C-alpha atoms as a PDB file:
ATOM      1  CA  PRO A   1      -9.203  20.743   5.610  1.00  0.00           C
ATOM      2  CA  ALA A   2     -11.763  20.314   2.784  1.00  0.00           C
ATOM      3  CA  PRO A   3     -13.375  17.026   2.075  1.00  0.00           C
ATOM      4  CA  VAL A   4     -12.266  15.126  -1.026  1.00  0.00           C
ATOM      5  CA  LYS A   5     -15.012  13.698  -3.347  1.00  0.00           C
ATOM      6  CA  VAL A   6     -14.049  10.458  -5.103  1.00  0.00           C
ATOM      7  CA  HIS A   7     -16.515   8.986  -7.469  1.00  0.00           C
ATOM      8  CA  ALA A   8     -15.193   5.552  -7.407  1.00  0.00           C
ATOM      9  CA  ASP A   9     -15.222   2.350  -5.200  1.00  0.00           C
ATOM     10  CA  VAL A  10     -11.919   3.253  -3.469  1.00  0.00           C
ATOM     11  CA  ASN A  11     -10.578   3.262   0.198  1.00  0.00           C
ATOM     12  CA  VAL A  12      -7.595   5.394   1.010  1.00  0.00           C
ATOM     13  CA  PHE A  13      -5.359   4.518   4.044  1.00  0.00           C
ATOM     14  CA  ALA A  14      -2.450   6.391   5.540  1.00  0.00           C
ATOM     15  CA  ALA A  15      -0.172   4.807   8.186  1.00  0.00           C
ATOM     16  CA  GLU A  16       2.922   5.576  10.206  1.00  0.00           C
ATOM     17  CA  ILE A  17       4.887   2.432  11.037  1.00  0.00           C
ATOM     18  CA  SER A  18       7.415   2.497  13.909  1.00  0.00           C
ATOM     19  CA  PRO A  19      10.934   1.003  13.452  1.00  0.00           C
ATOM     20  CA  GLY A  20      10.902  -2.745  13.584  1.00  0.00           C
ATOM     21  CA  ARG A  21       7.100  -2.935  13.566  1.00  0.00           C
ATOM     22  CA  GLU A  22       4.904  -4.602  10.961  1.00  0.00           C
ATOM     23  CA  LEU A  23       1.667  -3.510   9.271  1.00  0.00           C
ATOM     24  CA  ALA A  24      -0.560  -6.195   7.835  1.00  0.00           C
ATOM     25  CA  PHE A  25      -2.817  -5.225   4.878  1.00  0.00           C
ATOM     26  CA  ASP A  26      -5.365  -7.534   3.232  1.00  0.00           C
ATOM     27  CA  VAL A  27      -6.400  -7.129  -0.351  1.00  0.00           C
ATOM     28  CA  ARG A  28      -9.503  -9.282  -0.806  1.00  0.00           C
ATOM     29  CA  ALA A  29     -10.543 -11.209  -3.832  1.00  0.00           C
ATOM     30  CA  GLY A  30     -11.755  -8.825  -6.673  1.00  0.00           C
ATOM     31  CA  ARG A  31      -9.686  -5.991  -5.229  1.00  0.00           C
ATOM     32  CA  GLN A  32      -6.393  -4.289  -5.867  1.00  0.00           C
ATOM     33  CA  ALA A  33      -4.309  -1.735  -4.181  1.00  0.00           C
ATOM     34  CA  TYR A  34      -1.521   0.762  -4.815  1.00  0.00           C
ATOM     35  CA  LEU A  35       0.919   1.253  -2.008  1.00  0.00           C
ATOM     36  CA  VAL A  36       3.294   4.327  -1.913  1.00  0.00           C
ATOM     37  CA  LEU A  37       6.223   4.400   0.601  1.00  0.00           C
ATOM     38  CA  ILE A  38       6.524   8.130   1.383  1.00  0.00           C
ATOM     39  CA  GLU A  39       9.874   8.093   3.084  1.00  0.00           C
ATOM     40  CA  VAL A  40      12.717   5.852   4.400  1.00  0.00           C
ATOM     41  CA  ARG A  41      13.001   2.139   3.515  1.00  0.00           C
ATOM     42  CA  ALA A  42      10.650  -0.876   4.151  1.00  0.00           C
ATOM     43  CA  LYS A  43      10.303  -4.439   3.239  1.00  0.00           C
ATOM     44  CA  ILE A  44       6.989  -5.611   1.725  1.00  0.00           C
ATOM     45  CA  GLU A  45       7.037  -9.370   1.523  1.00  0.00           C
ATOM     46  CA  GLU A  46      10.272 -10.173  -0.495  1.00  0.00           C
ATOM     47  CA  TYR A  47      10.570  -6.677  -2.027  1.00  0.00           C
ATOM     48  CA  GLU A  48      12.661  -3.871  -0.652  1.00  0.00           C
ATOM     49  CA  LEU A  49      11.167  -0.367  -1.176  1.00  0.00           C
ATOM     50  CA  ALA A  50      12.933   2.967  -0.869  1.00  0.00           C
ATOM     51  CA  ALA A  51      11.376   6.459  -0.320  1.00  0.00           C
ATOM     52  CA  ARG A  52       8.792   7.216  -3.102  1.00  0.00           C
ATOM     53  CA  ASP A  53       8.744   3.653  -4.437  1.00  0.00           C
ATOM     54  CA  ALA A  54       5.303   2.254  -5.131  1.00  0.00           C
ATOM     55  CA  MET A  55       3.828  -1.167  -6.001  1.00  0.00           C
ATOM     56  CA  GLU A  56       0.605  -2.715  -7.011  1.00  0.00           C
ATOM     57  CA  ILE A  57      -1.009  -5.517  -4.946  1.00  0.00           C
ATOM     58  CA  THR A  58      -3.715  -7.701  -6.426  1.00  0.00           C
ATOM     59  CA  GLU A  59      -5.836 -10.107  -4.365  1.00  0.00           C
ATOM     60  CA  GLN A  60      -3.012 -10.702  -1.857  1.00  0.00           C
ATOM     61  CA  ASN A  61      -2.339 -10.125   1.839  1.00  0.00           C
ATOM     62  CA  ILE A  62       0.904  -8.265   2.497  1.00  0.00           C
ATOM     63  CA  THR A  63       3.025  -7.315   5.485  1.00  0.00           C
ATOM     64  CA  VAL A  64       5.113  -4.059   5.573  1.00  0.00           C
ATOM     65  CA  LEU A  65       8.164  -4.095   7.812  1.00  0.00           C
ATOM     66  CA  ALA A  66       9.691  -0.682   8.501  1.00  0.00           C
ATOM     67  CA  ASP A  67      13.500  -0.063   8.970  1.00  0.00           C
ATOM     68  CA  ASP A  68      12.908   3.253  10.505  1.00  0.00           C
ATOM     69  CA  THR A  69       9.735   5.345  11.067  1.00  0.00           C
ATOM     70  CA  ALA A  70       7.920   4.842   7.721  1.00  0.00           C
ATOM     71  CA  HIS A  71       4.917   6.487   6.202  1.00  0.00           C
ATOM     72  CA  VAL A  72       2.811   4.737   3.641  1.00  0.00           C
ATOM     73  CA  ILE A  73      -0.391   5.533   1.699  1.00  0.00           C
ATOM     74  CA  VAL A  74      -2.518   2.657   0.302  1.00  0.00           C
ATOM     75  CA  LEU A  75      -5.300   3.113  -2.241  1.00  0.00           C
ATOM     76  CA  GLU A  76      -7.528   0.091  -2.312  1.00  0.00           C
ATOM     77  CA  MET A  77     -10.144  -0.413  -5.057  1.00  0.00           C
ATOM     78  CA  ARG A  78     -12.106  -2.755  -7.211  1.00  0.00           C
ATOM     79  CA  LYS A  79      -9.782  -4.856  -9.346  1.00  0.00           C
ATOM     80  CA  SER A  80      -9.603  -3.517 -12.979  1.00  0.00           C
ATOM     81  CA  ALA A  81      -9.305  -5.725 -16.132  1.00  0.00           C
ATOM     82  CA  ALA A  82      -5.631  -4.574 -16.740  1.00  0.00           C
ATOM     83  CA  THR A  83      -3.137  -4.653 -14.031  1.00  0.00           C
ATOM     84  CA  PHE A  84       0.474  -3.640 -14.612  1.00  0.00           C
ATOM     85  CA  GLY A  85       2.326  -4.328 -11.416  1.00  0.00           C
ATOM     86  CA  ARG A  86       3.571  -7.459  -9.419  1.00  0.00           C
ATOM     87  CA  ARG A  87       1.305  -9.924  -7.807  1.00  0.00           C
END
């Protein structure tokens, strides 16, 4: 694999969550994140996500609960002036 160069203050995370398990993710003050559920279904706080759904998280700690083996990608970065998703 070739390295990917990113010219921004961003962290990229990928995770596999086993059925019935939880993954906690903290988005600190001044930060935001974009979470993409790659496959199956999962519950993130009070929101139900299906495969290929995504959400924006701003300065909030979240918990992802998997119904089945779930794969997620999270891009965490400095908070921008304009945010478009849910808090």
